């Protein structure tokens, strides 16, 4: 009988309130745990994934974590066949096959989206991924960026698409009503989800709300996600435009409320200038909620013909799409179905299967 492939998945960067890369890491770990011929050890500060072994990592910030990865992590690798850094990082000394996931290189493409210290930290982290035997990326757009900005050999890059959170689907009316009551909004709001940072362009959603109000179509906008550099700026912009009562800042939303949050929305507005993959749009599609997204990489690659695309920096175009979705129920249902069809192409089972193939390549 063939021995199982032993993998150490470095999940030490997953925060208490995971988003983006953190969701990827958790979902991948859960999917890998279902593989009978793979034995997964998860290195994380406070995460337990059923079906995997657990190794505690420090929770003292990025610098302490980076030191731990380069000094203590190599000792753990003596008992495995493959190391997988789920968020860029690769130990300099390993002795086993090394895989790194690069989610995006926004800090190269849109440097002003990050404070200087964070930008240089992420760039240093990304440089470590160059030492990996294989780099996994979620889209062809990121694959091109890894070659362009990191000089990584294209033949060693593997595109493994991500997926919406497992089990995420349309919520029932009671769940939606209960969440709306807690948030102080009515069903049929617009939803904008993501950290308040430059490049996410939540300001375009706020300006679209103002345009709709001017034309006699008052809509509510729910801004959900972790606080960011522009949270106060966005609040001031809503006040300047006279729509502060139409915009609700609800902060980080628990995973148990996500289905109701997406389901209760007329549409998800996703005006980001650049994404490596873009999980929120795919999650909205899983719940049958139409998506209005900027026509930018990698949104067009991932969402294909399942989303309404608008030009970047164009609140007027966003407002026009919202107005039509609100006025034409049949048209909204058409885009809801289109989105569900696109969502069916992605799954964490598929992502785990393709990731295991990468493990086998480097384990040989």
Protein backbone atom coordinates (compact mmCIF):
# COMPACT_ATOMS: atom_id res chain seq x y z
CA UNK A 1 0.00 0.00 0.00
CA UNK A 2 1.35 3.43 -0.98
CA UNK A 3 2.12 5.75 1.90
CA UNK A 4 0.03 8.94 2.04
CA UNK A 5 1.56 12.17 0.78
CA UNK A 6 2.46 14.23 3.85
CA UNK A 7 1.85 17.97 3.44
CA UNK A 8 2.49 20.88 5.77
CA UNK A 9 0.09 23.72 4.96
CA UNK A 10 1.33 27.01 6.37
CA UNK A 11 -1.81 28.87 7.49
CA UNK A 12 -0.01 31.06 10.02
CA UNK A 13 -1.11 34.28 8.28
CA UNK A 14 -4.86 33.60 8.63
CA UNK A 15 -6.32 36.34 10.88
CA UNK A 16 -9.12 36.02 13.43
CA UNK A 17 -11.51 37.55 10.90
CA UNK A 18 -10.47 35.87 7.65
CA UNK A 19 -11.08 37.36 4.21
CA UNK A 20 -9.61 36.73 0.78
CA UNK A 21 -6.42 34.72 1.28
CA UNK A 22 -7.61 33.55 4.70
CA UNK A 23 -10.79 32.09 3.22
CA UNK A 24 -8.75 30.37 0.53
CA UNK A 25 -6.50 28.77 3.13
CA UNK A 26 -9.34 27.48 5.30
CA UNK A 27 -11.42 26.16 2.41
CA UNK A 28 -8.43 24.46 0.83
CA UNK A 29 -7.48 22.83 4.14
CA UNK A 30 -11.03 21.48 4.57
CA UNK A 31 -11.08 20.13 1.02
CA UNK A 32 -7.63 18.54 1.34
CA UNK A 33 -8.74 16.83 4.54
CA UNK A 34 -11.16 14.78 2.44
CA UNK A 35 -8.33 13.32 0.31
CA UNK A 36 -7.65 9.77 1.51
CA UNK A 37 -4.07 9.57 0.24
CA UNK A 38 -2.98 12.97 1.58
CA UNK A 39 -2.06 13.64 5.20
CA UNK A 40 -2.32 17.35 6.02
CA UNK A 41 -0.73 19.21 8.90
CA UNK A 42 -1.95 22.79 9.32
CA UNK A 43 0.39 25.30 10.94
CA UNK A 44 -1.81 28.06 12.35
CA UNK A 45 -2.23 30.22 15.47
CA UNK A 46 -5.78 29.24 16.43
CA UNK A 47 -7.37 27.22 13.65
CA UNK A 48 -8.56 23.64 13.86
CA UNK A 49 -9.59 21.89 10.66
CA UNK A 50 -11.32 18.55 11.10
CA UNK A 51 -9.37 15.71 9.55
CA UNK A 52 -5.99 17.45 9.77
CA UNK A 53 -3.17 17.60 12.30
CA UNK A 54 -2.46 20.95 13.91
CA UNK A 55 0.77 22.76 14.75
CA UNK A 56 0.61 26.04 16.64
CA UNK A 57 2.26 29.08 15.09
CA UNK A 58 2.77 32.48 16.76
CA UNK A 59 0.10 35.16 16.76
CA UNK A 60 2.48 38.07 17.42
CA UNK A 61 2.37 39.93 14.12
CA UNK A 62 4.06 39.54 10.74
CA UNK A 63 7.66 40.05 11.84
CA UNK A 64 7.54 37.42 14.59
CA UNK A 65 5.66 35.10 12.24
CA UNK A 66 8.28 35.55 9.50
CA UNK A 67 11.08 34.78 11.97
CA UNK A 68 9.22 31.64 13.10
CA UNK A 69 8.77 30.52 9.49
CA UNK A 70 12.50 30.77 8.80
CA UNK A 71 13.81 29.32 12.08
CA UNK A 72 11.25 26.89 13.55
CA UNK A 73 9.36 25.84 10.42
CA UNK A 74 12.32 23.93 8.86
CA UNK A 75 12.30 21.54 11.83
CA UNK A 76 8.65 20.66 11.14
CA UNK A 77 9.49 19.88 7.53
CA UNK A 78 11.58 16.86 8.52
CA UNK A 79 8.35 14.90 8.91
CA UNK A 80 6.61 15.84 5.64
CA UNK A 81 7.05 15.45 1.88
CA UNK A 82 5.75 18.85 0.74
CA UNK A 83 5.58 22.35 2.16
CA UNK A 84 2.78 24.69 0.98
CA UNK A 85 2.88 28.37 1.88
CA UNK A 86 -0.75 29.43 1.46
CA UNK A 87 0.20 33.12 1.53
CA UNK A 88 3.46 33.65 -0.40
CA UNK A 89 5.92 32.61 2.30
CA UNK A 90 8.51 29.90 1.68
CA UNK A 91 11.27 28.90 4.15
CA UNK A 92 14.78 29.42 2.81
CA UNK A 93 15.83 26.02 4.15
CA UNK A 94 13.45 23.16 3.52
CA UNK A 95 14.78 19.83 2.21
CA UNK A 96 11.34 19.03 0.74
CA UNK A 97 9.33 20.18 -2.25
CA UNK A 98 8.08 23.75 -1.80
CA UNK A 99 4.83 25.24 -3.13
CA UNK A 100 3.67 28.84 -2.66
CA UNK A 101 0.32 30.42 -3.46
CA UNK A 102 0.46 33.97 -4.82
CA UNK A 103 -3.05 35.43 -4.63
CA UNK A 104 -2.28 38.71 -6.35
CA UNK A 105 0.47 41.29 -6.74
CA UNK A 106 -1.64 44.37 -6.13
CA UNK A 107 1.20 45.96 -4.18
CA UNK A 108 3.13 46.11 -7.47
CA UNK A 109 0.21 47.02 -9.73
CA UNK A 110 -1.47 49.56 -7.40
CA UNK A 111 1.20 50.59 -4.88
CA UNK A 112 -0.83 53.53 -3.51
CA UNK A 113 -3.43 51.05 -2.28
CA UNK A 114 -1.03 50.23 0.58
CA UNK A 115 0.74 52.22 3.24
CA UNK A 116 4.50 52.27 2.55
CA UNK A 117 5.48 49.82 5.30
CA UNK A 118 2.83 47.31 4.23
CA UNK A 119 3.77 47.65 0.58
CA UNK A 120 7.43 46.87 1.22
CA UNK A 121 6.57 44.03 3.61
CA UNK A 122 4.35 42.34 1.00
CA UNK A 123 6.92 42.83 -1.72
CA UNK A 124 9.56 41.17 0.45
CA UNK A 125 7.15 38.32 1.19
CA UNK A 126 6.39 37.90 -2.51
CA UNK A 127 10.09 37.64 -3.28
CA UNK A 128 10.29 34.59 -1.00
CA UNK A 129 7.83 32.77 -3.28
CA UNK A 130 10.48 32.82 -6.01
CA UNK A 131 12.24 30.03 -4.09
CA UNK A 132 9.25 27.69 -4.45
CA UNK A 133 9.43 24.73 -6.81
CA UNK A 134 5.93 25.59 -8.00
CA UNK A 135 3.77 28.70 -7.62
CA UNK A 136 -0.02 28.36 -7.54
CA UNK A 137 -2.09 31.33 -8.71
CA UNK A 138 -5.91 31.71 -8.90
CA UNK A 139 -6.08 33.21 -12.40
CA UNK A 140 -4.18 33.72 -15.62
CA UNK A 141 -3.88 37.41 -14.80
CA UNK A 142 -1.86 36.66 -11.66
CA UNK A 143 0.24 34.13 -13.57
CA UNK A 144 1.28 36.91 -15.95
CA UNK A 145 2.04 39.22 -13.03
CA UNK A 146 4.23 36.61 -11.32
CA UNK A 147 6.34 36.39 -14.46
CA UNK A 148 6.39 40.17 -14.95
CA UNK A 149 7.08 41.36 -11.41
CA UNK A 150 8.88 38.39 -9.81
CA UNK A 151 10.68 36.98 -12.83
CA UNK A 152 9.38 33.51 -11.99
CA UNK A 153 9.61 30.84 -14.74
CA UNK A 154 6.17 30.50 -16.41
CA UNK A 155 6.55 26.74 -16.85
CA UNK A 156 6.53 26.33 -13.05
CA UNK A 157 3.30 28.28 -12.49
CA UNK A 158 0.01 26.43 -12.04
CA UNK A 159 -3.38 28.16 -12.29
CA UNK A 160 -5.79 26.70 -9.73
CA UNK A 161 -9.09 28.65 -9.58
CA UNK A 162 -10.70 29.23 -6.20
CA UNK A 163 -14.42 29.04 -5.37
CA UNK A 164 -17.16 30.47 -3.20
CA UNK A 165 -17.26 29.27 0.40
CA UNK A 166 -18.51 25.71 0.69
CA UNK A 167 -22.25 25.43 1.30
CA UNK A 168 -22.94 29.09 0.52
CA UNK A 169 -26.33 29.38 -1.19
CA UNK A 170 -29.48 31.48 -1.26
CA UNK A 171 -30.89 32.14 2.22
CA UNK A 172 -34.56 31.95 3.17
CA UNK A 173 -36.76 35.01 3.74
CA UNK A 174 -36.78 34.63 7.57
CA UNK A 175 -32.96 34.68 7.68
CA UNK A 176 -32.81 37.72 5.39
CA UNK A 177 -35.48 39.56 7.40
CA UNK A 178 -33.67 38.85 10.69
CA UNK A 179 -30.34 40.13 9.36
CA UNK A 180 -31.90 43.24 7.81
CA UNK A 181 -33.57 44.02 11.12
CA UNK A 182 -30.22 43.79 12.92
CA UNK A 183 -28.47 45.96 10.33
CA UNK A 184 -31.28 48.51 10.13
CA UNK A 185 -31.85 48.15 6.36
CA UNK A 186 -34.59 46.94 4.04
CA UNK A 187 -34.16 44.01 1.60
CA UNK A 188 -33.22 45.19 -1.86
CA UNK A 189 -30.18 47.22 -0.76
CA UNK A 190 -26.99 47.43 -2.76
CA UNK A 191 -24.06 45.57 -1.25
CA UNK A 192 -20.41 46.55 -1.48
CA UNK A 193 -18.08 44.14 0.28
CA UNK A 194 -14.37 44.56 0.95
CA UNK A 195 -11.82 46.44 3.03
CA UNK A 196 -12.00 50.22 2.71
CA UNK A 197 -8.73 50.69 0.84
CA UNK A 198 -7.64 52.61 -2.26
CA UNK A 199 -8.25 50.55 -5.36
CA UNK A 200 -11.40 48.91 -4.02
CA UNK A 201 -13.26 52.06 -5.14
CA UNK A 202 -16.22 51.78 -2.75
CA UNK A 203 -16.50 55.53 -3.30
CA UNK A 204 -17.95 54.80 -6.76
CA UNK A 205 -20.81 52.86 -5.14
CA UNK A 206 -21.52 55.79 -2.81
CA UNK A 207 -21.53 58.22 -5.73
CA UNK A 208 -23.88 55.92 -7.66
CA UNK A 209 -26.28 56.03 -4.70
CA UNK A 210 -26.19 59.84 -4.83
CA UNK A 211 -26.93 59.82 -8.58
CA UNK A 212 -29.87 57.45 -8.08
CA UNK A 213 -31.26 59.61 -5.32
CA UNK A 214 -31.05 62.70 -7.55
CA UNK A 215 -33.09 60.88 -10.20
CA UNK A 216 -35.77 59.98 -7.67
CA UNK A 217 -34.62 56.42 -6.93
CA UNK A 218 -33.51 56.24 -3.30
CA UNK A 219 -31.51 53.09 -2.60
CA UNK A 220 -29.67 51.90 0.48
CA UNK A 221 -26.03 50.85 0.28
CA UNK A 222 -24.50 48.40 2.74
CA UNK A 223 -20.71 48.64 3.01
CA UNK A 224 -19.46 45.44 4.65
CA UNK A 225 -15.93 44.37 5.49
CA UNK A 226 -13.01 45.18 7.73
CA UNK A 227 -12.22 48.81 8.46
CA UNK A 228 -9.51 50.21 6.20
CA UNK A 229 -7.51 53.35 5.47
CA UNK A 230 -10.43 55.03 3.74
CA UNK A 231 -13.29 54.26 6.14
CA UNK A 232 -13.47 57.83 7.45
CA UNK A 233 -12.96 59.25 3.96
CA UNK A 234 -15.92 57.23 2.68
CA UNK A 235 -18.11 58.44 5.53
CA UNK A 236 -17.20 62.05 4.75
CA UNK A 237 -17.95 61.53 1.06
CA UNK A 238 -21.39 60.11 1.87
CA UNK A 239 -22.06 63.15 4.06
CA UNK A 240 -20.81 65.55 1.37
CA UNK A 241 -23.20 64.04 -1.14
CA UNK A 242 -26.09 64.08 1.32
CA UNK A 243 -26.55 60.30 1.36
CA UNK A 244 -25.10 59.50 4.79
CA UNK A 245 -28.53 58.13 5.82
CA UNK A 246 -28.61 55.87 2.76
CA UNK A 247 -25.21 54.30 3.46
CA UNK A 248 -24.72 51.75 6.24
CA UNK A 249 -21.22 50.78 7.42
CA UNK A 250 -21.70 47.35 9.03
CA UNK A 251 -18.08 46.18 9.43
CA UNK A 252 -16.98 42.57 9.31
CA UNK A 253 -19.89 40.17 8.78
CA UNK A 254 -19.75 36.73 10.39
CA UNK A 255 -19.65 33.75 8.04
CA UNK A 256 -23.00 32.55 9.40
CA UNK A 257 -24.66 35.77 8.14
CA UNK A 258 -23.07 35.87 4.69
CA UNK A 259 -25.79 33.96 2.83
CA UNK A 260 -28.48 36.29 4.17
CA UNK A 261 -26.32 39.35 3.46
CA UNK A 262 -25.85 38.39 -0.20
CA UNK A 263 -29.42 37.15 -0.67
CA UNK A 264 -30.99 40.33 0.68
CA UNK A 265 -29.17 42.53 -1.83
CA UNK A 266 -30.57 43.75 -5.13
CA UNK A 267 -27.02 43.45 -6.45
CA UNK A 268 -23.41 43.26 -5.35
CA UNK A 269 -21.48 46.31 -6.54
CA UNK A 270 -17.80 45.45 -6.98
CA UNK A 271 -15.96 48.47 -8.45
CA UNK A 272 -12.43 47.26 -7.63
CA UNK A 273 -9.63 48.29 -9.98
CA UNK A 274 -7.73 45.02 -9.67
CA UNK A 275 -8.24 41.59 -8.14
CA UNK A 276 -6.31 38.35 -8.32
CA UNK A 277 -9.55 36.39 -8.35
CA UNK A 278 -12.38 38.20 -6.57
CA UNK A 279 -14.23 35.96 -4.11
CA UNK A 280 -17.15 38.29 -3.18
CA UNK A 281 -18.61 38.35 -6.71
CA UNK A 282 -18.48 34.57 -6.95
CA UNK A 283 -20.11 34.26 -3.52
CA UNK A 284 -22.88 36.63 -4.57
CA UNK A 285 -23.49 34.52 -7.67
CA UNK A 286 -23.74 31.43 -5.46
CA UNK A 287 -26.63 33.14 -3.67
CA UNK A 288 -28.38 34.16 -6.89
CA UNK A 289 -27.50 37.85 -6.49
CA UNK A 290 -26.54 39.74 -9.67
CA UNK A 291 -23.10 41.32 -9.74
CA UNK A 292 -22.11 44.72 -11.13
CA UNK A 293 -18.32 44.69 -11.51
CA UNK A 294 -15.69 46.80 -13.18
CA UNK A 295 -14.43 45.43 -16.48
CA UNK A 296 -10.95 44.71 -15.18
CA UNK A 297 -8.67 41.73 -14.69
CA UNK A 298 -9.33 39.18 -13.29
CA UNK A 299 -13.08 39.84 -13.00
CA UNK A 300 -13.74 39.30 -16.71
CA UNK A 301 -11.69 36.09 -16.62
CA UNK A 302 -13.45 34.62 -13.58
CA UNK A 303 -17.00 35.94 -13.99
CA UNK A 304 -17.11 35.57 -17.80
CA UNK A 305 -20.68 36.29 -18.97
CA UNK A 306 -22.16 35.96 -15.48
CA UNK A 307 -21.82 39.61 -14.39
CA UNK A 308 -22.78 43.09 -15.54
CA UNK A 309 -19.54 44.88 -16.34
CA UNK A 310 -19.05 48.65 -16.15
CA UNK A 311 -16.03 50.89 -16.84
CA UNK A 312 -13.74 51.72 -13.92
CA UNK A 313 -14.28 55.05 -12.12
CA UNK A 314 -17.84 55.30 -13.52
CA UNK A 315 -20.58 55.76 -10.88
CA UNK A 316 -23.01 56.79 -13.63
CA UNK A 317 -22.67 53.39 -15.32
CA UNK A 318 -23.20 51.64 -11.97
CA UNK A 319 -26.33 53.71 -11.32
CA UNK A 320 -27.71 52.84 -14.76
CA UNK A 321 -27.32 49.11 -14.15
CA UNK A 322 -28.88 49.38 -10.69
CA UNK A 323 -31.85 51.29 -12.08
CA UNK A 324 -32.54 48.62 -14.68
CA UNK A 325 -32.18 45.75 -12.19
CA UNK A 326 -34.64 47.50 -9.87
CA UNK A 327 -37.17 48.23 -12.62
CA UNK A 328 -37.08 44.94 -14.56
CA UNK A 329 -37.63 41.80 -12.47
CA UNK A 330 -37.28 39.51 -15.49
CA UNK A 331 -33.95 41.05 -16.39
CA UNK A 332 -32.71 40.67 -12.83
CA UNK A 333 -33.77 37.01 -12.83
CA UNK A 334 -31.89 36.48 -16.09
CA UNK A 335 -28.67 37.78 -14.55
CA UNK A 336 -29.29 35.79 -11.40
CA UNK A 337 -29.46 32.60 -13.47
CA UNK A 338 -26.43 33.54 -15.57
CA UNK A 339 -24.46 34.01 -12.39
CA UNK A 340 -25.51 30.65 -10.99
CA UNK A 341 -24.36 28.98 -14.22
CA UNK A 342 -20.91 30.58 -13.91
CA UNK A 343 -20.66 29.69 -10.22
CA UNK A 344 -21.14 25.99 -11.07
CA UNK A 345 -17.76 25.92 -12.80
CA UNK A 346 -15.88 26.45 -9.53
CA UNK A 347 -15.53 24.19 -6.49
CA UNK A 348 -13.09 23.56 -3.66
CA UNK A 349 -13.10 19.86 -4.51
CA UNK A 350 -11.69 20.73 -7.91
CA UNK A 351 -9.22 23.19 -6.35
CA UNK A 352 -7.98 20.53 -3.91
CA UNK A 353 -7.62 17.95 -6.68
CA UNK A 354 -5.52 20.28 -8.82
CA UNK A 355 -3.47 21.36 -5.79
CA UNK A 356 -2.68 17.74 -4.93
CA UNK A 357 -1.41 17.29 -8.49
CA UNK A 358 1.01 20.16 -7.85
CA UNK A 359 2.12 18.51 -4.60
CA UNK A 360 2.88 15.31 -6.48
CA UNK A 361 4.97 17.19 -9.01
CA UNK A 362 7.30 18.61 -6.36
CA UNK A 363 7.27 15.49 -4.15
CA UNK A 364 8.81 13.46 -6.97
